[in-house]
């Protein structure tokens, strides 16, 4: 699928009518996994925040769908903390390599299509560089497909546990791959988020992690975990979805179109910088 240029030039809304969010379907692992209770990240022991803008790289290419990279870039540009954002990918000025990552603070993997094996083939060559960079202190953000690929087999293998399709989990409120709005509990408060067949996260028992949000059946919808000296923040729904996403599918978010949940995920992932 050919990538469309961002009509606003600022990483904002994609062209209406483009089907850009046909994401990943995977089965929930058969083994039961004990989930951590939701916990807010404490800031009591944090050093002073860095005042210079953080350098973010957002993947754009065959492993993402039209509009998804631009929405993630827009979320970062609108964040309370200052970011400079550049795209990386096979057709971009910057390739996804160790040299490119060396100048960045954060790498974001946006939503993709439903061909997980094919998507991973597009990224496999850079997997070692991404993994090593995060282990040495880099930051990873994964949205929907990017959340699936934070796990392993196939994926970057960054999470203490695995992923599965929320729609296949017991007592899920959505049972198919349609674009919709799901209820979540974010930091103990009820909220709603744009959703299209995103993952739930199944953490190893005793894993070090801060669960930011759960779906209505209690499975994990957003979590931040350490990986070596770096951190990994992942989310199954789409906190980056702007008004055009809802309009394209005839959907309404009862909370309104807001970006505070996405910004919370970003802040907890970059916490301490």
Foldseek 3Di string as FASTA:
>chain_A
DDADDAVVPQLAAFDFPFPFFAFAAFADDPDDFDDDDADDDDQPPFDDDDQDAFEEEEEDDQLGGHSFSSLVSNLQCPFPGHYDYDYEFPPGPHHLALVVLVRGQEYEYTGGHHPLVVSCVRCVVNLVSVLVSQLVAHFYEYEFSGQQQCPPPPHSNQAQFHKHFLLNDPPRPHNDQDWAKFWKQFQNRIFIFTAGRGIFTRHHPPADKRQGMAGPVGTGAWIKHGGNNAIYIYGGTDLSDAPSVCVSRVYDTPVHNDNVVVSSSVCVRSGND
